[in-house]
Amino acid sequence: MNIALQEIPVEERIRMVEDIWDSIANDQKALPLSAEQRALLDQRLDAYETDGKSGRLLADVLADIKRKL
């Protein structure tokens, strides 16, 4: 890690990362989807609409993840 970064308190580094992440999230056009990503999203949406299943409950997904840890 850069020595100058190590001199910044952890709390401040976390806040800086959060600020950077927020600035990226606010600029939705910064990273447009590629044609492949858009096609994959369309396929998944079509599969969802055909299947009609709403997916799994978040609590069930989290429980599965915790069991695997």
PDB file of N, CA and C in Angstrom:
ATOM      1  N   MET A   1       0.847  -1.173   0.000  1.00  0.00           N
ATOM      2  CA  MET A   1       0.000   0.000   0.000  1.00  0.00           C
ATOM      3  C   MET A   1       0.894   1.237   0.000  1.00  0.00           C
ATOM      4  N   ASN A   2       0.450   2.271  -0.658  1.00  0.00           N
ATOM      5  CA  ASN A   2       1.154   3.540  -0.684  1.00  0.00           C
ATOM      6  C   ASN A   2       1.329   4.061   0.738  1.00  0.00           C
ATOM      7  N   ILE A   3       2.546   4.440   1.099  1.00  0.00           N
ATOM      8  CA  ILE A   3       2.841   4.885   2.465  1.00  0.00           C
ATOM      9  C   ILE A   3       2.012   6.104   2.838  1.00  0.00           C
ATOM     10  N   ALA A   4       1.802   7.025   1.907  1.00  0.00           N
ATOM     11  CA  ALA A   4       0.998   8.216   2.195  1.00  0.00           C
ATOM     12  C   ALA A   4      -0.428   7.832   2.560  1.00  0.00           C
ATOM     13  N   LEU A   5      -0.966   6.814   1.919  1.00  0.00           N
ATOM     14  CA  LEU A   5      -2.321   6.362   2.238  1.00  0.00           C
ATOM     15  C   LEU A   5      -2.385   5.750   3.624  1.00  0.00           C
ATOM     16  N   GLN A   6      -1.338   5.061   4.016  1.00  0.00           N
ATOM     17  CA  GLN A   6      -1.318   4.443   5.340  1.00  0.00           C
ATOM     18  C   GLN A   6      -1.335   5.482   6.448  1.00  0.00           C
ATOM     19  N   GLU A   7      -0.899   6.688   6.148  1.00  0.00           N
ATOM     20  CA  GLU A   7      -0.874   7.746   7.155  1.00  0.00           C
ATOM     21  C   GLU A   7      -2.249   8.344   7.401  1.00  0.00           C
ATOM     22  N   ILE A   8      -3.178   8.138   6.486  1.00  0.00           N
ATOM     23  CA  ILE A   8      -4.547   8.642   6.647  1.00  0.00           C
ATOM     24  C   ILE A   8      -5.299   7.671   7.546  1.00  0.00           C
ATOM     25  N   PRO A   9      -6.015   8.181   8.551  1.00  0.00           N
ATOM     26  CA  PRO A   9      -6.773   7.284   9.437  1.00  0.00           C
ATOM     27  C   PRO A   9      -7.766   6.420   8.648  1.00  0.00           C
ATOM     28  N   VAL A  10      -7.982   5.211   9.126  1.00  0.00           N
ATOM     29  CA  VAL A  10      -8.860   4.255   8.437  1.00  0.00           C
ATOM     30  C   VAL A  10     -10.246   4.849   8.209  1.00  0.00           C
ATOM     31  N   GLU A  11     -10.797   5.509   9.216  1.00  0.00           N
ATOM     32  CA  GLU A  11     -12.141   6.080   9.088  1.00  0.00           C
ATOM     33  C   GLU A  11     -12.202   7.069   7.924  1.00  0.00           C
ATOM     34  N   GLU A  12     -11.157   7.879   7.784  1.00  0.00           N
ATOM     35  CA  GLU A  12     -11.133   8.861   6.701  1.00  0.00           C
ATOM     36  C   GLU A  12     -10.968   8.180   5.348  1.00  0.00           C
ATOM     37  N   ARG A  13     -10.145   7.129   5.283  1.00  0.00           N
ATOM     38  CA  ARG A  13      -9.988   6.387   4.027  1.00  0.00           C
ATOM     39  C   ARG A  13     -11.305   5.753   3.606  1.00  0.00           C
ATOM     40  N   ILE A  14     -12.036   5.217   4.579  1.00  0.00           N
ATOM     41  CA  ILE A  14     -13.342   4.618   4.266  1.00  0.00           C
ATOM     42  C   ILE A  14     -14.277   5.682   3.722  1.00  0.00           C
ATOM     43  N   ARG A  15     -14.292   6.858   4.359  1.00  0.00           N
ATOM     44  CA  ARG A  15     -15.160   7.946   3.905  1.00  0.00           C
ATOM     45  C   ARG A  15     -14.773   8.373   2.489  1.00  0.00           C
ATOM     46  N   MET A  16     -13.478   8.417   2.216  1.00  0.00           N
ATOM     47  CA  MET A  16     -13.017   8.788   0.878  1.00  0.00           C
ATOM     48  C   MET A  16     -13.484   7.776  -0.166  1.00  0.00           C
ATOM     49  N   VAL A  17     -13.372   6.499   0.154  1.00  0.00           N
ATOM     50  CA  VAL A  17     -13.818   5.455  -0.776  1.00  0.00           C
ATOM     51  C   VAL A  17     -15.320   5.558  -1.002  1.00  0.00           C
ATOM     52  N   GLU A  18     -16.078   5.806   0.058  1.00  0.00           N
ATOM     53  CA  GLU A  18     -17.527   5.970  -0.080  1.00  0.00           C
ATOM     54  C   GLU A  18     -17.846   7.161  -0.978  1.00  0.00           C
ATOM     55  N   ASP A  19     -17.124   8.262  -0.800  1.00  0.00           N
ATOM     56  CA  ASP A  19     -17.345   9.443  -1.642  1.00  0.00           C
ATOM     57  C   ASP A  19     -17.029   9.147  -3.100  1.00  0.00           C
ATOM     58  N   ILE A  20     -15.942   8.423  -3.332  1.00  0.00           N
ATOM     59  CA  ILE A  20     -15.586   8.050  -4.705  1.00  0.00           C
ATOM     60  C   ILE A  20     -16.662   7.147  -5.301  1.00  0.00           C
ATOM     61  N   TRP A  21     -17.111   6.152  -4.515  1.00  0.00           N
ATOM     62  CA  TRP A  21     -18.145   5.236  -5.010  1.00  0.00           C
ATOM     63  C   TRP A  21     -19.423   5.997  -5.338  1.00  0.00           C
ATOM     64  N   ASP A  22     -19.821   6.928  -4.461  1.00  0.00           N
ATOM     65  CA  ASP A  22     -21.024   7.726  -4.704  1.00  0.00           C
ATOM     66  C   ASP A  22     -20.880   8.554  -5.974  1.00  0.00           C
ATOM     67  N   SER A  23     -19.695   9.106  -6.211  1.00  0.00           N
ATOM     68  CA  SER A  23     -19.500   9.910  -7.417  1.00  0.00           C
ATOM     69  C   SER A  23     -19.614   9.048  -8.672  1.00  0.00           C
ATOM     70  N   ILE A  24     -19.157   7.813  -8.599  1.00  0.00           N
ATOM     71  CA  ILE A  24     -19.289   6.892  -9.732  1.00  0.00           C
ATOM     72  C   ILE A  24     -20.754   6.518  -9.938  1.00  0.00           C
ATOM     73  N   ALA A  25     -21.445   6.219  -8.849  1.00  0.00           N
ATOM     74  CA  ALA A  25     -22.854   5.831  -8.941  1.00  0.00           C
ATOM     75  C   ALA A  25     -23.707   6.967  -9.492  1.00  0.00           C
ATOM     76  N   ASN A  26     -23.336   8.208  -9.191  1.00  0.00           N
ATOM     77  CA  ASN A  26     -24.102   9.360  -9.671  1.00  0.00           C
ATOM     78  C   ASN A  26     -23.887   9.623 -11.153  1.00  0.00           C
ATOM     79  N   ASP A  27     -22.849   9.074 -11.720  1.00  0.00           N
ATOM     80  CA  ASP A  27     -22.542   9.273 -13.132  1.00  0.00           C
ATOM     81  C   ASP A  27     -22.859   7.995 -13.899  1.00  0.00           C
ATOM     82  N   GLN A  28     -24.137   7.734 -14.106  1.00  0.00           N
ATOM     83  CA  GLN A  28     -24.589   6.480 -14.711  1.00  0.00           C
ATOM     84  C   GLN A  28     -24.076   6.278 -16.131  1.00  0.00           C
ATOM     85  N   LYS A  29     -23.751   7.356 -16.830  1.00  0.00           N
ATOM     86  CA  LYS A  29     -23.307   7.230 -18.218  1.00  0.00           C
ATOM     87  C   LYS A  29     -21.807   6.977 -18.327  1.00  0.00           C
ATOM     88  N   ALA A  30     -21.112   6.968 -17.199  1.00  0.00           N
ATOM     89  CA  ALA A  30     -19.658   6.799 -17.221  1.00  0.00           C
ATOM     90  C   ALA A  30     -19.253   5.437 -17.779  1.00  0.00           C
ATOM     91  N   LEU A  31     -20.010   4.406 -17.462  1.00  0.00           N
ATOM     92  CA  LEU A  31     -19.695   3.058 -17.921  1.00  0.00           C
ATOM     93  C   LEU A  31     -20.929   2.445 -18.578  1.00  0.00           C
ATOM     94  N   PRO A  32     -21.171   2.791 -19.834  1.00  0.00           N
ATOM     95  CA  PRO A  32     -22.348   2.236 -20.502  1.00  0.00           C
ATOM     96  C   PRO A  32     -22.208   0.723 -20.675  1.00  0.00           C
ATOM     97  N   LEU A  33     -23.350   0.061 -20.773  1.00  0.00           N
ATOM     98  CA  LEU A  33     -23.352  -1.384 -20.984  1.00  0.00           C
ATOM     99  C   LEU A  33     -22.847  -1.706 -22.384  1.00  0.00           C
ATOM    100  N   SER A  34     -22.098  -2.783 -22.470  1.00  0.00           N
ATOM    101  CA  SER A  34     -21.662  -3.251 -23.787  1.00  0.00           C
ATOM    102  C   SER A  34     -22.840  -3.960 -24.458  1.00  0.00           C
ATOM    103  N   ALA A  35     -22.704  -4.220 -25.733  1.00  0.00           N
ATOM    104  CA  ALA A  35     -23.752  -4.942 -26.461  1.00  0.00           C
ATOM    105  C   ALA A  35     -23.965  -6.326 -25.855  1.00  0.00           C
ATOM    106  N   GLU A  36     -22.873  -6.968 -25.427  1.00  0.00           N
ATOM    107  CA  GLU A  36     -22.973  -8.300 -24.824  1.00  0.00           C
ATOM    108  C   GLU A  36     -23.711  -8.245 -23.486  1.00  0.00           C
ATOM    109  N   GLN A  37     -23.403  -7.234 -22.677  1.00  0.00           N
ATOM    110  CA  GLN A  37     -24.086  -7.099 -21.386  1.00  0.00           C
ATOM    111  C   GLN A  37     -25.573  -6.831 -21.582  1.00  0.00           C
ATOM    112  N   ARG A  38     -25.894  -5.957 -22.540  1.00  0.00           N
ATOM    113  CA  ARG A  38     -27.298  -5.639 -22.813  1.00  0.00           C
ATOM    114  C   ARG A  38     -28.039  -6.885 -23.302  1.00  0.00           C
ATOM    115  N   ALA A  39     -27.396  -7.683 -24.162  1.00  0.00           N
ATOM    116  CA  ALA A  39     -28.010  -8.912 -24.670  1.00  0.00           C
ATOM    117  C   ALA A  39     -28.252  -9.898 -23.534  1.00  0.00           C
ATOM    118  N   LEU A  40     -27.288 -10.029 -22.625  1.00  0.00           N
ATOM    119  CA  LEU A  40     -27.449 -10.935 -21.489  1.00  0.00           C
ATOM    120  C   LEU A  40     -28.598 -10.480 -20.591  1.00  0.00           C
ATOM    121  N   LEU A  41     -28.694  -9.187 -20.337  1.00  0.00           N
ATOM    122  CA  LEU A  41     -29.808  -8.679 -19.529  1.00  0.00           C
ATOM    123  C   LEU A  41     -31.145  -8.949 -20.207  1.00  0.00           C
ATOM    124  N   ASP A  42     -31.194  -8.758 -21.532  1.00  0.00           N
ATOM    125  CA  ASP A  42     -32.425  -9.048 -22.274  1.00  0.00           C
ATOM    126  C   ASP A  42     -32.791 -10.525 -22.172  1.00  0.00           C
ATOM    127  N   GLN A  43     -31.789 -11.416 -22.274  1.00  0.00           N
ATOM    128  CA  GLN A  43     -32.042 -12.859 -22.152  1.00  0.00           C
ATOM    129  C   GLN A  43     -32.594 -13.193 -20.771  1.00  0.00           C
ATOM    130  N   ARG A  44     -31.999 -12.613 -19.746  1.00  0.00           N
ATOM    131  CA  ARG A  44     -32.444 -12.894 -18.381  1.00  0.00           C
ATOM    132  C   ARG A  44     -33.852 -12.363 -18.140  1.00  0.00           C
ATOM    133  N   LEU A  45     -34.149 -11.182 -18.671  1.00  0.00           N
ATOM    134  CA  LEU A  45     -35.492 -10.632 -18.520  1.00  0.00           C
ATOM    135  C   LEU A  45     -36.504 -11.502 -19.254  1.00  0.00           C
ATOM    136  N   ASP A  46     -36.167 -11.937 -20.467  1.00  0.00           N
ATOM    137  CA  ASP A  46     -37.060 -12.830 -21.219  1.00  0.00           C
ATOM    138  C   ASP A  46     -37.295 -14.130 -20.454  1.00  0.00           C
ATOM    139  N   ALA A  47     -36.237 -14.709 -19.891  1.00  0.00           N
ATOM    140  CA  ALA A  47     -36.371 -15.953 -19.128  1.00  0.00           C
ATOM    141  C   ALA A  47     -37.251 -15.735 -17.905  1.00  0.00           C
ATOM    142  N   TYR A  48     -37.079 -14.606 -17.231  1.00  0.00           N
ATOM    143  CA  TYR A  48     -37.902 -14.304 -16.054  1.00  0.00           C
ATOM    144  C   TYR A  48     -39.363 -14.173 -16.450  1.00  0.00           C
ATOM    145  N   GLU A  49     -39.628 -13.446 -17.532  1.00  0.00           N
ATOM    146  CA  GLU A  49     -41.012 -13.243 -17.960  1.00  0.00           C
ATOM    147  C   GLU A  49     -41.647 -14.548 -18.422  1.00  0.00           C
ATOM    148  N   THR A  50     -40.873 -15.440 -19.044  1.00  0.00           N
ATOM    149  CA  THR A  50     -41.382 -16.734 -19.499  1.00  0.00           C
ATOM    150  C   THR A  50     -41.627 -17.660 -18.321  1.00  0.00           C
ATOM    151  N   ASP A  51     -40.675 -17.705 -17.402  1.00  0.00           N
ATOM    152  CA  ASP A  51     -40.734 -18.597 -16.246  1.00  0.00           C
ATOM    153  C   ASP A  51     -41.803 -18.150 -15.254  1.00  0.00           C
ATOM    154  N   GLY A  52     -41.872 -16.863 -15.010  1.00  0.00           N
ATOM    155  CA  GLY A  52     -42.857 -16.342 -14.073  1.00  0.00           C
ATOM    156  C   GLY A  52     -42.474 -16.478 -12.613  1.00  0.00           C
ATOM    157  N   LYS A  53     -41.332 -17.102 -12.335  1.00  0.00           N
ATOM    158  CA  LYS A  53     -40.896 -17.236 -10.950  1.00  0.00           C
ATOM    159  C   LYS A  53     -40.236 -15.937 -10.506  1.00  0.00           C
ATOM    160  N   SER A  54     -40.547 -15.527  -9.290  1.00  0.00           N
ATOM    161  CA  SER A  54     -40.005 -14.257  -8.807  1.00  0.00           C
ATOM    162  C   SER A  54     -38.619 -14.399  -8.206  1.00  0.00           C
ATOM    163  N   GLY A  55     -38.104 -15.604  -8.130  1.00  0.00           N
ATOM    164  CA  GLY A  55     -36.781 -15.812  -7.555  1.00  0.00           C
ATOM    165  C   GLY A  55     -36.869 -16.319  -6.135  1.00  0.00           C
ATOM    166  N   ARG A  56     -35.808 -16.072  -5.375  1.00  0.00           N
ATOM    167  CA  ARG A  56     -35.742 -16.567  -3.999  1.00  0.00           C
ATOM    168  C   ARG A  56     -35.790 -15.405  -3.028  1.00  0.00           C
ATOM    169  N   LEU A  57     -36.258 -15.687  -1.841  1.00  0.00           N
ATOM    170  CA  LEU A  57     -36.270 -14.676  -0.793  1.00  0.00           C
ATOM    171  C   LEU A  57     -34.839 -14.352  -0.381  1.00  0.00           C
ATOM    172  N   LEU A  58     -34.589 -13.093  -0.082  1.00  0.00           N
ATOM    173  CA  LEU A  58     -33.263 -12.666   0.340  1.00  0.00           C
ATOM    174  C   LEU A  58     -32.800 -13.442   1.562  1.00  0.00           C
ATOM    175  N   ALA A  59     -33.685 -13.667   2.500  1.00  0.00           N
ATOM    176  CA  ALA A  59     -33.318 -14.404   3.719  1.00  0.00           C
ATOM    177  C   ALA A  59     -32.803 -15.801   3.378  1.00  0.00           C
ATOM    178  N   ASP A  60     -33.416 -16.457   2.400  1.00  0.00           N
ATOM    179  CA  ASP A  60     -32.969 -17.791   1.991  1.00  0.00           C
ATOM    180  C   ASP A  60     -31.593 -17.741   1.325  1.00  0.00           C
ATOM    181  N   VAL A  61     -31.387 -16.746   0.484  1.00  0.00           N
ATOM    182  CA  VAL A  61     -30.097 -16.598  -0.193  1.00  0.00           C
ATOM    183  C   VAL A  61     -28.996 -16.344   0.831  1.00  0.00           C
ATOM    184  N   LEU A  62     -29.247 -15.434   1.767  1.00  0.00           N
ATOM    185  CA  LEU A  62     -28.254 -15.127   2.799  1.00  0.00           C
ATOM    186  C   LEU A  62     -27.960 -16.342   3.671  1.00  0.00           C
ATOM    187  N   ALA A  63     -28.990 -17.103   4.002  1.00  0.00           N
ATOM    188  CA  ALA A  63     -28.793 -18.308   4.810  1.00  0.00           C
ATOM    189  C   ALA A  63     -27.905 -19.305   4.072  1.00  0.00           C
ATOM    190  N   ASP A  64     -28.116 -19.464   2.767  1.00  0.00           N
ATOM    191  CA  ASP A  64     -27.277 -20.368   1.973  1.00  0.00           C
ATOM    192  C   ASP A  64     -25.826 -19.902   1.960  1.00  0.00           C
ATOM    193  N   ILE A  65     -25.634 -18.614   1.801  1.00  0.00           N
ATOM    194  CA  ILE A  65     -24.270 -18.072   1.785  1.00  0.00           C
ATOM    195  C   ILE A  65     -23.595 -18.297   3.126  1.00  0.00           C
ATOM    196  N   LYS A  66     -24.303 -18.039   4.212  1.00  0.00           N
ATOM    197  CA  LYS A  66     -23.727 -18.202   5.553  1.00  0.00           C
ATOM    198  C   LYS A  66     -23.371 -19.656   5.832  1.00  0.00           C
ATOM    199  N   ARG A  67     -24.172 -20.586   5.327  1.00  0.00           N
ATOM    200  CA  ARG A  67     -23.878 -22.010   5.523  1.00  0.00           C
ATOM    201  C   ARG A  67     -22.586 -22.404   4.815  1.00  0.00           C
ATOM    202  N   LYS A  68     -22.295 -21.735   3.711  1.00  0.00           N
ATOM    203  CA  LYS A  68     -21.106 -22.076   2.930  1.00  0.00           C
ATOM    204  C   LYS A  68     -19.835 -21.446   3.476  1.00  0.00           C
ATOM    205  N   LEU A  69     -19.971 -20.515   4.384  1.00  0.00           N
ATOM    206  CA  LEU A  69     -18.776 -19.840   4.926  1.00  0.00           C
ATOM    207  C   LEU A  69     -18.075 -20.680   5.958  1.00  0.00           C
TER     208      LEU A  69
END
